[in-house]
Amino acid sequence: MKVALVGYGKMGKIIERIAKERGHQIVSIIDIDNQQDFEIGRAHV
């Protein structure tokens, strides 16, 4: 299964570890520290 994590704090890291142990693939991690990577079409006024 392909998994996207929203939030990468204590619980997000645990979910990532368990998912990988069970053979799942982490395809995206969205967190406050990388939110600029996911902003779309922000107007510069």
PDB file of N, CA and C in Angstrom:
ATOM      1  N   MET A   1       0.848  -1.168   0.000  1.00  0.00           N
ATOM      2  CA  MET A   1       0.000   0.000   0.000  1.00  0.00           C
ATOM      3  C   MET A   1       0.900   1.240   0.000  1.00  0.00           C
ATOM      4  N   LYS A   2       0.487   2.244  -0.707  1.00  0.00           N
ATOM      5  CA  LYS A   2       1.182   3.528  -0.702  1.00  0.00           C
ATOM      6  C   LYS A   2       0.526   4.413   0.350  1.00  0.00           C
ATOM      7  N   VAL A   3       1.363   5.012   1.220  1.00  0.00           N
ATOM      8  CA  VAL A   3       0.851   5.785   2.351  1.00  0.00           C
ATOM      9  C   VAL A   3       1.403   7.202   2.289  1.00  0.00           C
ATOM     10  N   ALA A   4       0.539   8.185   2.534  1.00  0.00           N
ATOM     11  CA  ALA A   4       0.957   9.577   2.701  1.00  0.00           C
ATOM     12  C   ALA A   4       0.707   9.944   4.158  1.00  0.00           C
ATOM     13  N   LEU A   5       1.729  10.472   4.814  1.00  0.00           N
ATOM     14  CA  LEU A   5       1.598  10.885   6.209  1.00  0.00           C
ATOM     15  C   LEU A   5       1.358  12.388   6.272  1.00  0.00           C
ATOM     16  N   VAL A   6       0.340  12.792   7.016  1.00  0.00           N
ATOM     17  CA  VAL A   6       0.078  14.201   7.262  1.00  0.00           C
ATOM     18  C   VAL A   6       0.377  14.428   8.739  1.00  0.00           C
ATOM     19  N   GLY A   7       1.483  15.111   8.978  1.00  0.00           N
ATOM     20  CA  GLY A   7       1.983  15.284  10.336  1.00  0.00           C
ATOM     21  C   GLY A   7       3.109  14.291  10.571  1.00  0.00           C
ATOM     22  N   TYR A   8       4.234  14.780  11.046  1.00  0.00           N
ATOM     23  CA  TYR A   8       5.390  13.902  11.220  1.00  0.00           C
ATOM     24  C   TYR A   8       6.014  14.120  12.593  1.00  0.00           C
ATOM     25  N   GLY A   9       5.140  14.103  13.576  1.00  0.00           N
ATOM     26  CA  GLY A   9       5.594  14.191  14.962  1.00  0.00           C
ATOM     27  C   GLY A   9       5.835  12.789  15.498  1.00  0.00           C
ATOM     28  N   LYS A  10       5.631  12.636  16.778  1.00  0.00           N
ATOM     29  CA  LYS A  10       5.868  11.349  17.438  1.00  0.00           C
ATOM     30  C   LYS A  10       5.015  10.232  16.815  1.00  0.00           C
ATOM     31  N   MET A  11       3.724  10.489  16.637  1.00  0.00           N
ATOM     32  CA  MET A  11       2.844   9.464  16.082  1.00  0.00           C
ATOM     33  C   MET A  11       3.149   9.195  14.610  1.00  0.00           C
ATOM     34  N   GLY A  12       3.435  10.240  13.841  1.00  0.00           N
ATOM     35  CA  GLY A  12       3.755  10.055  12.427  1.00  0.00           C
ATOM     36  C   GLY A  12       4.974   9.169  12.224  1.00  0.00           C
ATOM     37  N   LYS A  13       5.986   9.340  13.068  1.00  0.00           N
ATOM     38  CA  LYS A  13       7.198   8.518  12.981  1.00  0.00           C
ATOM     39  C   LYS A  13       6.910   7.061  13.334  1.00  0.00           C
ATOM     40  N   ILE A  14       6.040   6.847  14.320  1.00  0.00           N
ATOM     41  CA  ILE A  14       5.663   5.480  14.696  1.00  0.00           C
ATOM     42  C   ILE A  14       4.886   4.821  13.567  1.00  0.00           C
ATOM     43  N   ILE A  15       3.944   5.556  12.984  1.00  0.00           N
ATOM     44  CA  ILE A  15       3.159   5.005  11.870  1.00  0.00           C
ATOM     45  C   ILE A  15       4.070   4.669  10.700  1.00  0.00           C
ATOM     46  N   GLU A  16       5.043   5.538  10.411  1.00  0.00           N
ATOM     47  CA  GLU A  16       5.992   5.264   9.332  1.00  0.00           C
ATOM     48  C   GLU A  16       6.742   3.961   9.595  1.00  0.00           C
ATOM     49  N   ARG A  17       7.244   3.789  10.807  1.00  0.00           N
ATOM     50  CA  ARG A  17       8.009   2.585  11.139  1.00  0.00           C
ATOM     51  C   ARG A  17       7.155   1.324  10.989  1.00  0.00           C
ATOM     52  N   ILE A  18       5.938   1.352  11.512  1.00  0.00           N
ATOM     53  CA  ILE A  18       5.049   0.193  11.438  1.00  0.00           C
ATOM     54  C   ILE A  18       4.672  -0.103   9.992  1.00  0.00           C
ATOM     55  N   ALA A  19       4.352   0.936   9.228  1.00  0.00           N
ATOM     56  CA  ALA A  19       3.979   0.747   7.827  1.00  0.00           C
ATOM     57  C   ALA A  19       5.113   0.091   7.048  1.00  0.00           C
ATOM     58  N   LYS A  20       6.340   0.559   7.254  1.00  0.00           N
ATOM     59  CA  LYS A  20       7.489  -0.021   6.553  1.00  0.00           C
ATOM     60  C   LYS A  20       7.724  -1.464   6.978  1.00  0.00           C
ATOM     61  N   GLU A  21       7.564  -1.744   8.271  1.00  0.00           N
ATOM     62  CA  GLU A  21       7.716  -3.118   8.763  1.00  0.00           C
ATOM     63  C   GLU A  21       6.726  -4.060   8.101  1.00  0.00           C
ATOM     64  N   ARG A  22       5.559  -3.543   7.749  1.00  0.00           N
ATOM     65  CA  ARG A  22       4.502  -4.359   7.138  1.00  0.00           C
ATOM     66  C   ARG A  22       4.554  -4.336   5.609  1.00  0.00           C
ATOM     67  N   GLY A  23       5.609  -3.739   5.058  1.00  0.00           N
ATOM     68  CA  GLY A  23       5.809  -3.770   3.621  1.00  0.00           C
ATOM     69  C   GLY A  23       5.149  -2.654   2.837  1.00  0.00           C
ATOM     70  N   HIS A  24       4.669  -1.622   3.508  1.00  0.00           N
ATOM     71  CA  HIS A  24       4.031  -0.504   2.826  1.00  0.00           C
ATOM     72  C   HIS A  24       5.072   0.531   2.421  1.00  0.00           C
ATOM     73  N   GLN A  25       4.712   1.370   1.470  1.00  0.00           N
ATOM     74  CA  GLN A  25       5.617   2.395   0.948  1.00  0.00           C
ATOM     75  C   GLN A  25       5.114   3.779   1.359  1.00  0.00           C
ATOM     76  N   ILE A  26       5.998   4.581   1.973  1.00  0.00           N
ATOM     77  CA  ILE A  26       5.659   5.959   2.326  1.00  0.00           C
ATOM     78  C   ILE A  26       5.965   6.823   1.101  1.00  0.00           C
ATOM     79  N   VAL A  27       4.937   7.403   0.502  1.00  0.00           N
ATOM     80  CA  VAL A  27       5.126   8.162  -0.734  1.00  0.00           C
ATOM     81  C   VAL A  27       5.204   9.666  -0.502  1.00  0.00           C
ATOM     82  N   SER A  28       4.723  10.123   0.665  1.00  0.00           N
ATOM     83  CA  SER A  28       4.746  11.549   0.935  1.00  0.00           C
ATOM     84  C   SER A  28       4.633  11.780   2.437  1.00  0.00           C
ATOM     85  N   ILE A  29       5.377  12.772   2.914  1.00  0.00           N
ATOM     86  CA  ILE A  29       5.260  13.206   4.304  1.00  0.00           C
ATOM     87  C   ILE A  29       5.003  14.714   4.278  1.00  0.00           C
ATOM     88  N   ILE A  30       3.832  15.104   4.757  1.00  0.00           N
ATOM     89  CA  ILE A  30       3.443  16.508   4.785  1.00  0.00           C
ATOM     90  C   ILE A  30       3.474  16.963   6.240  1.00  0.00           C
ATOM     91  N   ASP A  31       4.255  18.007   6.506  1.00  0.00           N
ATOM     92  CA  ASP A  31       4.430  18.477   7.868  1.00  0.00           C
ATOM     93  C   ASP A  31       4.626  19.990   7.860  1.00  0.00           C
ATOM     94  N   ILE A  32       4.512  20.594   8.992  1.00  0.00           N
ATOM     95  CA  ILE A  32       4.679  22.049   9.117  1.00  0.00           C
ATOM     96  C   ILE A  32       6.051  22.492   8.613  1.00  0.00           C
ATOM     97  N   ASP A  33       7.055  21.621   8.751  1.00  0.00           N
ATOM     98  CA  ASP A  33       8.413  21.972   8.347  1.00  0.00           C
ATOM     99  C   ASP A  33       8.639  21.936   6.840  1.00  0.00           C
ATOM    100  N   ASN A  34       7.737  21.327   6.085  1.00  0.00           N
ATOM    101  CA  ASN A  34       7.907  21.290   4.629  1.00  0.00           C
ATOM    102  C   ASN A  34       6.647  21.741   3.888  1.00  0.00           C
ATOM    103  N   GLN A  35       5.837  22.554   4.523  1.00  0.00           N
ATOM    104  CA  GLN A  35       4.576  22.968   3.905  1.00  0.00           C
ATOM    105  C   GLN A  35       4.780  23.766   2.621  1.00  0.00           C
ATOM    106  N   GLN A  36       5.913  24.455   2.472  1.00  0.00           N
ATOM    107  CA  GLN A  36       6.164  25.228   1.253  1.00  0.00           C
ATOM    108  C   GLN A  36       6.256  24.314   0.028  1.00  0.00           C
ATOM    109  N   ASP A  37       6.595  23.048   0.225  1.00  0.00           N
ATOM    110  CA  ASP A  37       6.664  22.107  -0.893  1.00  0.00           C
ATOM    111  C   ASP A  37       5.284  21.783  -1.457  1.00  0.00           C
ATOM    112  N   PHE A  38       4.223  22.095  -0.699  1.00  0.00           N
ATOM    113  CA  PHE A  38       2.876  21.709  -1.098  1.00  0.00           C
ATOM    114  C   PHE A  38       1.963  22.894  -1.362  1.00  0.00           C
ATOM    115  N   GLU A  39       2.470  24.112  -1.311  1.00  0.00           N
ATOM    116  CA  GLU A  39       1.652  25.284  -1.601  1.00  0.00           C
ATOM    117  C   GLU A  39       1.495  25.424  -3.109  1.00  0.00           C
ATOM    118  N   ILE A  40       0.273  25.690  -3.538  1.00  0.00           N
ATOM    119  CA  ILE A  40      -0.033  25.760  -4.971  1.00  0.00           C
ATOM    120  C   ILE A  40      -0.631  27.119  -5.297  1.00  0.00           C
ATOM    121  N   GLY A  41      -0.111  27.760  -6.340  1.00  0.00           N
ATOM    122  CA  GLY A  41      -0.721  28.962  -6.874  1.00  0.00           C
ATOM    123  C   GLY A  41      -0.870  30.111  -5.911  1.00  0.00           C
ATOM    124  N   ARG A  42       0.055  30.332  -5.070  1.00  0.00           N
ATOM    125  CA  ARG A  42      -0.027  31.461  -4.138  1.00  0.00           C
ATOM    126  C   ARG A  42       0.288  32.750  -4.894  1.00  0.00           C
ATOM    127  N   ALA A  43      -0.646  33.698  -4.860  1.00  0.00           N
ATOM    128  CA  ALA A  43      -0.478  34.968  -5.587  1.00  0.00           C
ATOM    129  C   ALA A  43       0.487  35.870  -4.845  1.00  0.00           C
ATOM    130  N   HIS A  44       1.325  36.537  -5.597  1.00  0.00           N
ATOM    131  CA  HIS A  44       2.260  37.522  -5.035  1.00  0.00           C
ATOM    132  C   HIS A  44       1.668  38.904  -5.254  1.00  0.00           C
ATOM    133  N   VAL A  45       1.097  39.471  -4.231  1.00  0.00           N
ATOM    134  CA  VAL A  45       0.431  40.762  -4.333  1.00  0.00           C
ATOM    135  C   VAL A  45       1.277  41.852  -3.741  1.00  0.00           C
TER     136      VAL A  45
END
